[in-house]
Amino acid sequence: MQLVKHYWFISFMSFVVLGLITMVNAREIHAPNFLTRGMDPEKNGMAFTNRKVPVDEMEATYWQNQAYSELRQRLKRQPNLNTAKNIILFLGDGMPLTSVAAARIHKGQRDGFLGEEQVLSFEKFPYSGLSRTYCTNAQVADSACTSTAYLCGVKTNTLTLGVNAKVNYNNCTESSNPNNHLTSLYGWAQAAGKSTGFVTTTSLTHASPSGGYAHVANRFWECDADVLDHGVDPETCVDIAQQLVTTAPGKKLDVLMGGGMGKFLPNSITDAFGNKGERLDGRNLLTRWQNANPKGKIVNNREQLLRVNISQVSNIMGIFQSKLMKYRLEANDEQPTLAEMTGIALAFLSQNTNGYFVFIEGGLIDIANHENKAHIALDEILEFNKAIQLARDMTDPNETLIVVTADHGHPLSIAGYPERGNNILGLNNMGGDSDGIPYATLNYAVGPQQYQYEDGMRMDLTGQMSSAEFVAPSYIKQDIGVHGGEDVGVYASGPYEHLFRGVMQQNLIPHMMAYASCIGNGAKKCDPAKS
């Protein structure tokens, strides 16, 4: 009987061992997958050399010292518990983490380095986290519901601005109900006696800046003609441009800079850029703004902006194109850069001894990503980066909180196994697809160009990607690219910077800024009587 027991135990263990051997063999066969299915590692990017690696990086001590240095910096950090006199919110519209990494590499390569080791200005900020960008009725967000989240502190439905989720798209009645309207950082700062404003490379009535001053059921109601085009009575539902000029908090903003002049002028008038206004109601909202701000200054080009005597004006409206501003790579000297607009805005707003809140948007990052023009998108991020660096240079981190984030991402990938220092805007230099055809390092999921022949064979793009206007390859065909639903980065420097870490809901961001600055509901922190 004992022998029978040993026999069954030995048989069982043999079965287990045989199973483990089979599993190991299976793993050797199926993993890693890129070494199987006919993929030769020497032809598909896995036969690396260290020919481009800097000599000092070959030593383990280089990386150990680098890590110890960063560790020491982190250990020295103490919470900055000062009250934020000033708040600057930088928004990279449509700036996914992939494009941040690609822009970092692109900057380095433009400056003559390999690229991967470089750091953008906001990546040096002491604290960072991730923002969850979904909206109440959308897995993948647009720039309107996200604007409402990061300016008003409330998540809402896609395509709506400054209203709660009780408001459905294009529903005039619901959006006209004051009970559905939200307050924002603009209003909170104004109530605390601070100056306020926004700067964008899109238009003054675009979704991102207007989430804090408009209350509409449709982000496309930028002027009365747009409201009418969507089947709504513009006399009942006031358009975004009119809300900016005639109702609080928009009419109380001290600085406005961007494009979109056509939304403020009647179609009987030619604007400063040779185009007809878009309004059908005959209203000239620029004249109305000027009448309301007799000491205010309206400027239309770079020279006028840079010559403004900030101590002699009460408000500044810079409006630099009929519609969106131009990409920096395509603009002439008559259009100011984002950094120049930022510098003037901060210099002007800082005259208020109570401080300020300003929203600054690199809005054309998103437009370029929609067009799948990766080169231009990265260049716009680097322009955004310059503005952030200037803002940090012009302010004191002991009194100014700067937060950098994005509203949503785009489905952009850095693909393959390119060699260190490989041109980020070029082809993967370490191999091609299964047919041996080289492929781009940067690719979009959805867009207008698949670069395929009718039989499905991919085209060889060698020598065709040098232009900034080159449309990057995509997998799914559509006229324009789409947004992505992934989390986006949040970077903070200044008072209460330590709050901006971990994974957070997007609508938490303005509440943390308000807390740091003792405005809005955050005023309770500074005044116990309000708690």
Protein backbone atom coordinates (compact mmCIF):
# COMPACT_ATOMS: atom_id res chain seq x y z
CA MET A 1 0.00 0.00 0.00
CA GLN A 2 2.90 2.37 0.86
CA LEU A 3 4.49 1.64 -2.52
CA VAL A 4 1.25 2.59 -4.26
CA LYS A 5 1.19 5.92 -2.44
CA HIS A 6 4.80 6.66 -3.47
CA TYR A 7 3.96 5.69 -7.03
CA TRP A 8 1.06 8.13 -7.23
CA PHE A 9 3.14 10.91 -5.59
CA ILE A 10 6.01 10.37 -8.02
CA SER A 11 3.59 10.30 -10.97
CA PHE A 12 1.94 13.53 -9.79
CA MET A 13 5.28 15.32 -9.35
CA SER A 14 6.43 14.11 -12.78
CA PHE A 15 3.26 15.60 -14.28
CA VAL A 16 3.91 18.94 -12.50
CA VAL A 17 7.56 19.04 -13.61
CA LEU A 18 6.58 18.15 -17.17
CA GLY A 19 3.99 20.95 -17.11
CA LEU A 20 6.55 23.47 -15.86
CA ILE A 21 9.01 22.43 -18.55
CA THR A 22 6.28 22.82 -21.16
CA MET A 23 5.42 26.28 -19.83
CA VAL A 24 9.07 27.36 -19.91
CA ASN A 25 9.45 26.05 -23.45
CA ALA A 26 6.28 27.86 -24.45
CA ARG A 27 7.62 31.09 -23.03
CA GLU A 28 10.86 30.60 -24.93
CA ILE A 29 8.84 30.16 -28.10
CA HIS A 30 6.35 33.00 -27.63
CA ALA A 31 8.30 35.67 -25.75
CA PRO A 32 9.61 38.08 -26.60
CA ASN A 33 7.29 38.20 -29.62
CA PHE A 34 9.42 40.66 -31.56
CA LEU A 35 12.08 37.97 -31.94
CA THR A 36 9.67 35.49 -33.51
CA ARG A 37 7.24 35.34 -36.40
CA GLY A 38 10.02 35.82 -38.90
CA MET A 39 11.38 39.03 -37.35
CA ASP A 40 15.16 39.07 -37.55
CA PRO A 41 16.46 41.19 -34.66
CA GLU A 42 19.35 42.40 -36.81
CA LYS A 43 16.88 43.72 -39.38
CA ASN A 44 14.20 44.99 -37.04
CA GLY A 45 15.88 47.37 -34.69
CA MET A 46 17.19 45.12 -31.95
CA ALA A 47 20.84 44.93 -32.97
CA PHE A 48 21.87 48.00 -31.00
CA THR A 49 25.34 49.45 -30.71
CA ASN A 50 26.56 52.16 -28.37
CA ARG A 51 28.16 54.20 -31.14
CA LYS A 52 26.23 57.37 -30.23
CA VAL A 53 26.30 57.01 -26.47
CA PRO A 54 28.37 59.74 -24.76
CA VAL A 55 31.50 58.23 -23.23
CA ASP A 56 30.65 59.28 -19.68
CA GLU A 57 27.24 57.59 -19.90
CA MET A 58 28.97 54.25 -20.41
CA GLU A 59 30.17 54.36 -16.82
CA ALA A 60 27.80 53.17 -14.10
CA THR A 61 29.00 55.98 -11.87
CA TYR A 62 27.50 58.56 -14.26
CA TRP A 63 23.98 57.24 -13.69
CA GLN A 64 24.54 56.62 -10.00
CA ASN A 65 25.75 60.20 -9.46
CA GLN A 66 22.87 61.54 -11.53
CA ALA A 67 20.38 59.59 -9.42
CA TYR A 68 22.01 60.60 -6.10
CA SER A 69 21.96 64.26 -7.14
CA GLU A 70 18.26 64.13 -7.92
CA LEU A 71 17.58 62.19 -4.73
CA ARG A 72 19.35 64.87 -2.66
CA GLN A 73 17.27 67.57 -4.33
CA ARG A 74 14.07 65.71 -3.51
CA LEU A 75 15.10 65.17 0.10
CA LYS A 76 15.78 68.90 0.53
CA ARG A 77 12.31 69.95 -0.61
CA GLN A 78 10.23 71.65 2.03
CA PRO A 79 6.54 72.50 1.60
CA ASN A 80 6.04 76.02 0.29
CA LEU A 81 3.16 77.16 2.49
CA ASN A 82 3.13 80.80 1.41
CA THR A 83 -0.12 82.27 0.17
CA ALA A 84 0.03 82.60 -3.60
CA LYS A 85 -0.31 86.28 -4.44
CA ASN A 86 -0.35 85.39 -8.13
CA ILE A 87 -1.57 82.35 -10.07
CA ILE A 88 -0.62 81.47 -13.64
CA LEU A 89 -2.34 78.55 -15.34
CA PHE A 90 -0.57 77.40 -18.51
CA LEU A 91 -2.61 75.14 -20.77
CA GLY A 92 -1.06 73.15 -23.62
CA ASP A 93 -4.16 72.37 -25.65
CA GLY A 94 -4.06 68.81 -26.98
CA MET A 95 -0.62 68.14 -25.47
CA PRO A 96 -0.28 64.43 -24.60
CA LEU A 97 2.70 63.10 -22.68
CA THR A 98 4.01 61.57 -25.91
CA SER A 99 4.27 64.98 -27.52
CA VAL A 100 5.98 66.38 -24.42
CA ALA A 101 8.63 63.66 -24.74
CA ALA A 102 8.94 64.21 -28.49
CA ALA A 103 9.22 67.99 -28.03
CA ARG A 104 11.96 67.49 -25.46
CA ILE A 105 13.90 65.37 -27.93
CA HIS A 106 13.21 67.80 -30.78
CA LYS A 107 14.48 70.73 -28.73
CA GLY A 108 17.67 68.89 -27.90
CA GLN A 109 18.27 67.90 -31.50
CA ARG A 110 17.67 71.46 -32.71
CA ASP A 111 20.31 72.58 -30.22
CA GLY A 112 22.84 70.02 -31.47
CA PHE A 113 22.40 67.31 -28.84
CA LEU A 114 21.18 63.74 -29.12
CA GLY A 115 17.93 64.99 -27.60
CA GLU A 116 16.64 62.33 -25.25
CA GLU A 117 18.57 63.71 -22.28
CA GLN A 118 17.11 67.23 -22.52
CA VAL A 119 14.50 68.75 -20.21
CA LEU A 120 11.73 71.28 -20.91
CA SER A 121 11.31 74.22 -18.55
CA PHE A 122 8.18 72.91 -16.87
CA GLU A 123 9.68 69.45 -16.45
CA LYS A 124 12.04 71.08 -13.94
CA PHE A 125 9.11 72.04 -11.71
CA PRO A 126 9.39 70.30 -8.34
CA TYR A 127 6.02 68.54 -8.39
CA SER A 128 4.02 66.78 -11.05
CA GLY A 129 1.07 64.46 -11.41
CA LEU A 130 -1.55 63.22 -13.82
CA SER A 131 -4.98 64.64 -14.63
CA ARG A 132 -7.95 62.48 -15.61
CA THR A 133 -9.62 64.23 -18.53
CA TYR A 134 -12.93 62.43 -19.15
CA CYS A 135 -16.11 64.52 -19.00
CA THR A 136 -19.51 63.66 -17.57
CA ASN A 137 -20.86 62.18 -20.80
CA ALA A 138 -17.63 61.52 -22.73
CA GLN A 139 -14.84 59.01 -22.35
CA VAL A 140 -12.65 61.20 -24.57
CA ALA A 141 -13.05 64.92 -23.91
CA ASP A 142 -13.17 68.05 -26.02
CA SER A 143 -11.72 71.44 -25.11
CA ALA A 144 -15.02 72.81 -23.78
CA CYS A 145 -15.93 70.38 -21.03
CA THR A 146 -12.28 70.28 -19.98
CA SER A 147 -12.11 74.09 -19.85
CA THR A 148 -15.10 74.07 -17.53
CA ALA A 149 -13.31 71.53 -15.34
CA TYR A 150 -9.95 73.29 -14.96
CA LEU A 151 -11.39 76.85 -14.77
CA CYS A 152 -14.67 76.28 -12.89
CA GLY A 153 -13.85 73.15 -10.90
CA VAL A 154 -16.85 71.16 -12.17
CA LYS A 155 -16.96 68.41 -14.77
CA THR A 156 -19.68 68.81 -17.36
CA ASN A 157 -20.93 67.58 -20.73
CA THR A 158 -18.82 67.70 -23.85
CA LEU A 159 -19.16 70.80 -26.09
CA THR A 160 -20.64 72.93 -23.27
CA LEU A 161 -18.97 75.80 -21.42
CA GLY A 162 -19.40 77.25 -17.95
CA VAL A 163 -22.53 75.23 -17.14
CA ASN A 164 -23.25 72.06 -15.19
CA ALA A 165 -24.14 68.67 -16.62
CA LYS A 166 -27.86 69.40 -16.50
CA VAL A 167 -27.30 71.34 -19.72
CA ASN A 168 -27.43 69.29 -22.90
CA TYR A 169 -25.67 70.24 -26.11
CA ASN A 170 -27.31 73.14 -28.01
CA ASN A 171 -30.17 73.43 -25.51
CA CYS A 172 -30.75 77.17 -25.20
CA THR A 173 -33.33 76.94 -22.42
CA GLU A 174 -31.12 74.87 -20.12
CA SER A 175 -28.06 77.03 -20.66
CA SER A 176 -30.04 80.24 -20.04
CA ASN A 177 -31.04 79.07 -16.57
CA PRO A 178 -28.79 80.88 -14.05
CA ASN A 179 -29.08 77.91 -11.71
CA ASN A 180 -27.00 75.93 -14.20
CA HIS A 181 -24.24 78.55 -14.45
CA LEU A 182 -20.84 78.06 -12.82
CA THR A 183 -18.34 80.49 -11.30
CA SER A 184 -14.64 80.33 -12.17
CA LEU A 185 -11.10 81.32 -11.28
CA TYR A 186 -11.64 84.58 -13.16
CA GLY A 187 -14.53 85.57 -10.90
CA TRP A 188 -12.94 84.22 -7.73
CA ALA A 189 -9.80 86.29 -8.33
CA GLN A 190 -11.79 89.40 -9.22
CA ALA A 191 -13.80 89.12 -6.00
CA ALA A 192 -10.51 89.08 -4.09
CA GLY A 193 -9.38 92.31 -5.76
CA LYS A 194 -6.90 90.64 -8.09
CA SER A 195 -6.34 91.51 -11.74
CA THR A 196 -7.32 88.85 -14.28
CA GLY A 197 -6.82 87.98 -17.91
CA PHE A 198 -6.02 85.39 -20.51
CA VAL A 199 -3.64 84.90 -23.41
CA THR A 200 -4.19 82.38 -26.21
CA THR A 201 -2.87 81.59 -29.66
CA THR A 202 -6.37 80.59 -30.77
CA SER A 203 -9.19 83.16 -30.57
CA LEU A 204 -10.65 85.14 -27.70
CA THR A 205 -13.89 83.16 -28.06
CA HIS A 206 -12.30 79.71 -28.40
CA ALA A 207 -13.31 76.97 -25.99
CA SER A 208 -10.31 76.99 -23.65
CA PRO A 209 -10.31 80.59 -22.38
CA SER A 210 -14.09 81.01 -22.58
CA GLY A 211 -14.90 78.21 -20.13
CA GLY A 212 -14.24 80.71 -17.36
CA TYR A 213 -16.46 83.56 -18.60
CA ALA A 214 -19.18 82.12 -20.88
CA HIS A 215 -22.28 80.06 -20.10
CA VAL A 216 -23.37 78.28 -23.28
CA ALA A 217 -24.76 74.93 -24.38
CA ASN A 218 -22.62 74.99 -27.51
CA ARG A 219 -18.96 76.00 -27.72
CA PHE A 220 -19.52 76.99 -31.35
CA TRP A 221 -21.85 79.86 -30.45
CA GLU A 222 -18.92 82.27 -30.81
CA CYS A 223 -20.96 85.07 -32.45
CA ASP A 224 -24.63 85.63 -33.24
CA ALA A 225 -24.26 84.19 -36.75
CA ASP A 226 -22.93 80.96 -35.23
CA VAL A 227 -25.87 80.72 -32.83
CA LEU A 228 -28.28 81.15 -35.74
CA ASP A 229 -26.40 78.52 -37.79
CA HIS A 230 -27.12 76.02 -35.02
CA GLY A 231 -30.85 76.71 -35.11
CA VAL A 232 -31.02 78.85 -31.98
CA ASP A 233 -32.30 82.42 -31.54
CA PRO A 234 -29.26 84.65 -30.80
CA GLU A 235 -31.49 87.16 -29.03
CA THR A 236 -32.45 84.47 -26.54
CA CYS A 237 -29.07 82.76 -26.16
CA VAL A 238 -26.27 85.32 -26.03
CA ASP A 239 -23.15 84.40 -28.01
CA ILE A 240 -19.70 84.00 -26.45
CA ALA A 241 -18.17 87.20 -27.86
CA GLN A 242 -21.03 89.28 -26.49
CA GLN A 243 -20.76 87.61 -23.09
CA LEU A 244 -17.04 88.41 -23.00
CA VAL A 245 -17.66 92.12 -23.55
CA THR A 246 -20.93 92.71 -21.71
CA THR A 247 -21.23 90.34 -18.71
CA ALA A 248 -19.08 89.48 -15.71
CA PRO A 249 -16.54 88.06 -15.28
CA GLY A 250 -15.59 88.58 -18.94
CA LYS A 251 -16.13 92.31 -19.03
CA LYS A 252 -13.95 92.70 -15.92
CA LEU A 253 -10.91 90.97 -17.42
CA ASP A 254 -7.90 93.28 -17.54
CA VAL A 255 -5.96 91.53 -20.30
CA LEU A 256 -7.28 89.74 -23.39
CA MET A 257 -4.91 88.49 -26.09
CA GLY A 258 -5.45 86.15 -29.02
CA GLY A 259 -7.14 86.05 -32.42
CA GLY A 260 -10.76 86.04 -33.57
CA MET A 261 -11.50 89.66 -34.49
CA GLY A 262 -14.29 88.62 -36.87
CA LYS A 263 -16.53 87.46 -34.01
CA PHE A 264 -16.63 91.00 -32.59
CA LEU A 265 -17.41 92.99 -35.75
CA PRO A 266 -20.49 93.28 -38.01
CA ASN A 267 -20.23 91.89 -41.53
CA SER A 268 -20.49 95.42 -42.86
CA ILE A 269 -16.99 96.22 -41.55
CA THR A 270 -13.59 95.07 -42.79
CA ASP A 271 -11.29 94.20 -39.91
CA ALA A 272 -7.63 95.09 -39.44
CA PHE A 273 -6.57 92.04 -41.45
CA GLY A 274 -8.66 92.72 -44.54
CA ASN A 275 -11.52 90.33 -43.76
CA LYS A 276 -15.19 91.01 -43.22
CA GLY A 277 -16.65 90.79 -39.73
CA GLU A 278 -18.96 87.88 -39.00
CA ARG A 279 -21.74 89.40 -36.91
CA LEU A 280 -25.25 89.77 -38.36
CA ASP A 281 -26.69 91.95 -35.58
CA GLY A 282 -24.73 95.07 -36.52
CA ARG A 283 -23.03 95.21 -33.13
CA ASN A 284 -19.42 96.42 -33.00
CA LEU A 285 -18.25 94.80 -29.79
CA LEU A 286 -14.77 96.30 -30.04
CA THR A 287 -16.25 99.78 -29.93
CA ARG A 288 -18.41 98.71 -27.01
CA TRP A 289 -15.36 97.36 -25.15
CA GLN A 290 -13.47 100.59 -25.80
CA ASN A 291 -16.38 102.69 -24.55
CA ALA A 292 -16.55 100.61 -21.37
CA ASN A 293 -12.78 100.95 -20.93
CA PRO A 294 -11.90 104.48 -22.11
CA LYS A 295 -8.33 104.11 -20.87
CA GLY A 296 -8.04 100.64 -22.36
CA LYS A 297 -5.85 99.91 -25.36
CA ILE A 298 -6.69 97.74 -28.38
CA VAL A 299 -3.66 96.54 -30.35
CA ASN A 300 -3.56 94.50 -33.56
CA ASN A 301 0.10 93.66 -34.18
CA ARG A 302 3.40 92.94 -32.49
CA GLU A 303 4.80 96.45 -32.74
CA GLN A 304 1.71 98.01 -31.18
CA LEU A 305 1.75 95.47 -28.35
CA LEU A 306 5.41 95.97 -27.50
CA ARG A 307 4.98 99.76 -27.49
CA VAL A 308 2.09 99.78 -24.98
CA ASN A 309 2.88 101.95 -21.97
CA ILE A 310 1.49 99.59 -19.36
CA SER A 311 1.48 102.25 -16.65
CA GLN A 312 -0.81 104.49 -18.72
CA VAL A 313 -3.58 102.04 -19.69
CA SER A 314 -6.37 100.42 -17.68
CA ASN A 315 -6.87 97.34 -19.88
CA ILE A 316 -5.22 95.68 -22.87
CA MET A 317 -7.01 93.86 -25.68
CA GLY A 318 -4.62 92.32 -28.18
CA ILE A 319 -6.42 90.80 -31.13
CA PHE A 320 -3.98 89.64 -33.78
CA GLN A 321 -5.90 87.73 -36.49
CA SER A 322 -9.39 87.53 -37.95
CA LYS A 323 -9.66 83.93 -36.78
CA LEU A 324 -7.02 81.78 -35.07
CA MET A 325 -3.49 83.10 -34.80
CA LYS A 326 -0.93 81.62 -37.17
CA TYR A 327 1.53 78.88 -36.33
CA ARG A 328 4.83 80.39 -35.23
CA LEU A 329 6.59 78.67 -38.17
CA GLU A 330 4.19 80.38 -40.58
CA ALA A 331 3.77 83.76 -38.90
CA ASN A 332 5.47 86.98 -39.92
CA ASP A 333 6.98 89.61 -37.65
CA GLU A 334 3.63 91.39 -37.33
CA GLN A 335 2.27 88.67 -35.06
CA PRO A 336 3.64 88.52 -31.49
CA THR A 337 4.93 85.27 -30.07
CA LEU A 338 3.28 83.55 -27.13
CA ALA A 339 6.27 84.50 -24.98
CA GLU A 340 5.97 88.16 -25.98
CA MET A 341 2.27 88.21 -25.15
CA THR A 342 3.02 86.49 -21.86
CA GLY A 343 5.70 89.01 -20.95
CA ILE A 344 3.47 92.04 -21.58
CA ALA A 345 0.53 90.43 -19.78
CA LEU A 346 2.56 89.61 -16.66
CA ALA A 347 4.23 93.01 -16.56
CA PHE A 348 0.85 94.71 -16.78
CA LEU A 349 -0.99 92.47 -14.30
CA SER A 350 1.81 92.60 -11.73
CA GLN A 351 1.09 96.30 -11.13
CA ASN A 352 -1.82 95.23 -8.93
CA THR A 353 -0.55 94.97 -5.35
CA ASN A 354 -3.25 92.36 -4.66
CA GLY A 355 -1.84 90.07 -7.33
CA TYR A 356 -3.45 88.41 -10.32
CA PHE A 357 -4.76 85.28 -12.02
CA VAL A 358 -3.96 84.73 -15.69
CA PHE A 359 -4.70 81.85 -18.04
CA ILE A 360 -2.15 81.32 -20.84
CA GLU A 361 -2.80 78.83 -23.62
CA GLY A 362 -0.63 77.28 -26.28
CA GLY A 363 -3.74 76.57 -28.31
CA LEU A 364 -2.25 75.71 -31.68
CA ILE A 365 -0.61 72.54 -30.37
CA ASP A 366 -4.04 70.97 -30.65
CA ILE A 367 -4.72 72.35 -34.13
CA ALA A 368 -1.43 70.96 -35.46
CA ASN A 369 -2.10 67.57 -33.88
CA HIS A 370 -5.55 67.50 -35.48
CA GLU A 371 -3.81 68.07 -38.82
CA ASN A 372 -1.28 65.34 -37.94
CA LYS A 373 1.50 67.88 -38.52
CA ALA A 374 3.85 66.59 -35.85
CA HIS A 375 6.68 68.96 -36.71
CA ILE A 376 4.47 72.02 -36.21
CA ALA A 377 2.89 70.57 -33.06
CA LEU A 378 6.32 70.09 -31.49
CA ASP A 379 7.40 73.58 -32.50
CA GLU A 380 4.26 75.02 -30.88
CA ILE A 381 5.12 73.12 -27.67
CA LEU A 382 8.57 74.68 -27.71
CA GLU A 383 7.00 78.14 -28.10
CA PHE A 384 4.78 77.24 -25.15
CA ASN A 385 7.89 76.15 -23.27
CA LYS A 386 9.54 79.54 -23.87
CA ALA A 387 6.53 81.36 -22.42
CA ILE A 388 6.61 79.18 -19.30
CA GLN A 389 10.32 79.78 -18.78
CA LEU A 390 9.79 83.53 -19.18
CA ALA A 391 6.98 83.46 -16.62
CA ARG A 392 9.15 81.63 -14.09
CA ASP A 393 11.99 84.10 -14.72
CA MET A 394 9.69 87.09 -14.25
CA THR A 395 8.09 85.88 -11.01
CA ASP A 396 9.10 84.79 -7.53
CA PRO A 397 8.21 81.17 -6.68
CA ASN A 398 7.66 82.28 -3.09
CA GLU A 399 4.59 84.27 -4.16
CA THR A 400 3.58 83.03 -7.62
CA LEU A 401 2.08 79.60 -8.26
CA ILE A 402 2.55 78.36 -11.83
CA VAL A 403 0.63 75.29 -12.95
CA VAL A 404 1.18 73.72 -16.36
CA THR A 405 -1.18 71.11 -17.76
CA ALA A 406 -3.13 70.01 -20.84
CA ASP A 407 -6.85 69.66 -21.42
CA HIS A 408 -6.67 66.35 -23.29
CA GLY A 409 -4.29 64.28 -25.36
CA HIS A 410 -3.99 63.04 -28.92
CA PRO A 411 -3.30 59.43 -29.99
CA LEU A 412 0.33 60.02 -30.97
CA SER A 413 2.96 57.31 -30.56
CA ILE A 414 6.75 57.09 -30.59
CA ALA A 415 7.16 53.71 -32.23
CA GLY A 416 9.78 51.10 -32.96
CA TYR A 417 13.31 50.86 -31.62
CA PRO A 418 15.07 53.92 -33.07
CA GLU A 419 18.68 54.45 -32.14
CA ARG A 420 19.64 57.07 -29.58
CA GLY A 421 19.68 60.47 -31.28
CA ASN A 422 17.59 59.32 -34.24
CA ASN A 423 15.71 62.26 -35.82
CA ILE A 424 12.44 62.32 -33.86
CA LEU A 425 10.68 63.76 -36.92
CA GLY A 426 12.12 61.18 -39.30
CA LEU A 427 12.09 57.45 -39.96
CA ASN A 428 12.99 54.76 -37.49
CA ASN A 429 16.62 54.14 -38.45
CA MET A 430 16.85 50.66 -36.96
CA GLY A 431 14.62 48.72 -39.32
CA GLY A 432 11.34 48.59 -41.20
CA ASP A 433 8.08 46.73 -41.13
CA SER A 434 7.66 43.04 -41.96
CA ASP A 435 8.13 43.92 -45.65
CA GLY A 436 11.33 45.82 -44.90
CA ILE A 437 9.79 49.25 -45.59
CA PRO A 438 10.98 52.00 -43.19
CA TYR A 439 8.34 53.63 -41.00
CA ALA A 440 8.03 56.96 -39.18
CA THR A 441 8.96 57.22 -35.53
CA LEU A 442 5.95 59.47 -34.82
CA ASN A 443 2.55 58.10 -35.88
CA TYR A 444 -1.06 59.04 -35.18
CA ALA A 445 -3.92 56.58 -34.71
CA VAL A 446 -6.37 58.59 -36.84
CA GLY A 447 -5.79 61.04 -39.69
CA PRO A 448 -5.84 61.80 -43.40
CA GLN A 449 -2.67 60.04 -44.61
CA GLN A 450 -2.00 56.29 -44.44
CA TYR A 451 0.66 56.25 -47.20
CA GLN A 452 -0.48 52.92 -48.59
CA TYR A 453 -0.87 51.59 -52.11
CA GLU A 454 -4.18 50.04 -53.19
CA ASP A 455 -2.90 46.57 -52.36
CA GLY A 456 -2.20 47.67 -48.79
CA MET A 457 1.57 47.85 -49.21
CA ARG A 458 3.05 50.79 -47.32
CA MET A 459 4.91 53.51 -49.17
CA ASP A 460 8.57 54.21 -48.50
CA LEU A 461 8.73 57.75 -47.03
CA THR A 462 12.48 58.08 -47.29
CA GLY A 463 13.33 61.67 -48.23
CA GLN A 464 9.71 62.86 -47.97
CA MET A 465 9.45 63.98 -44.33
CA SER A 466 11.68 67.05 -44.15
CA SER A 467 8.97 69.70 -44.57
CA ALA A 468 7.29 71.13 -41.48
CA GLU A 469 4.02 70.72 -43.38
CA PHE A 470 4.50 66.95 -43.69
CA VAL A 471 1.40 65.08 -42.53
CA ALA A 472 2.47 62.17 -40.35
CA PRO A 473 1.19 58.65 -41.03
CA SER A 474 -1.93 57.38 -39.32
CA TYR A 475 -3.65 54.02 -39.08
CA ILE A 476 -7.33 54.93 -39.44
CA LYS A 477 -8.43 57.23 -42.25
CA GLN A 478 -10.36 60.35 -41.31
CA ASP A 479 -10.24 63.95 -42.53
CA ILE A 480 -8.67 65.18 -39.29
CA GLY A 481 -7.08 63.63 -36.25
CA VAL A 482 -8.98 63.04 -33.03
CA HIS A 483 -8.42 63.53 -29.32
CA GLY A 484 -7.07 60.91 -26.95
CA GLY A 485 -8.57 59.88 -23.63
CA GLU A 486 -5.35 59.23 -21.72
CA ASP A 487 -4.32 61.14 -18.61
CA VAL A 488 -2.26 64.30 -19.15
CA GLY A 489 0.56 65.81 -17.13
CA VAL A 490 0.28 68.44 -14.41
CA TYR A 491 3.39 70.38 -13.31
CA ALA A 492 3.54 72.88 -10.44
CA SER A 493 5.97 75.41 -9.01
CA GLY A 494 5.30 77.91 -6.24
CA PRO A 495 3.11 78.12 -3.12
CA TYR A 496 1.36 74.83 -2.35
CA GLU A 497 3.06 73.18 -5.30
CA HIS A 498 3.10 69.94 -3.32
CA LEU A 499 -0.67 69.58 -3.74
CA PHE A 500 -0.25 68.91 -7.45
CA ARG A 501 0.94 65.32 -7.35
CA GLY A 502 -0.48 61.87 -7.89
CA VAL A 503 -3.46 61.12 -10.11
CA MET A 504 -6.20 63.74 -9.84
CA GLN A 505 -9.53 64.58 -11.36
CA GLN A 506 -9.18 67.52 -13.72
CA ASN A 507 -11.76 69.58 -11.84
CA LEU A 508 -9.59 69.43 -8.70
CA ILE A 509 -6.97 71.71 -10.29
CA PRO A 510 -8.72 75.10 -9.86
CA HIS A 511 -9.76 74.27 -6.32
CA MET A 512 -6.12 73.64 -5.36
CA MET A 513 -5.09 76.91 -7.02
CA ALA A 514 -7.86 78.75 -5.17
CA TYR A 515 -6.77 77.17 -1.89
CA ALA A 516 -3.17 78.23 -2.48
CA SER A 517 -4.27 81.80 -3.18
CA CYS A 518 -7.12 82.14 -0.65
CA ILE A 519 -9.71 82.97 -3.29
CA GLY A 520 -13.13 81.47 -3.94
CA ASN A 521 -13.83 78.65 -1.52
CA GLY A 522 -10.12 78.68 -0.76
CA ALA A 523 -10.65 81.96 1.11
CA LYS A 524 -11.80 79.88 4.06
CA LYS A 525 -8.20 78.81 4.61
CA CYS A 526 -7.11 82.40 5.19
CA ASP A 527 -10.20 83.66 7.00
CA PRO A 528 -11.49 81.29 9.71
CA ALA A 529 -14.67 83.36 9.95
CA LYS A 530 -15.63 82.07 6.48
CA SER A 531 -15.18 78.41 7.36
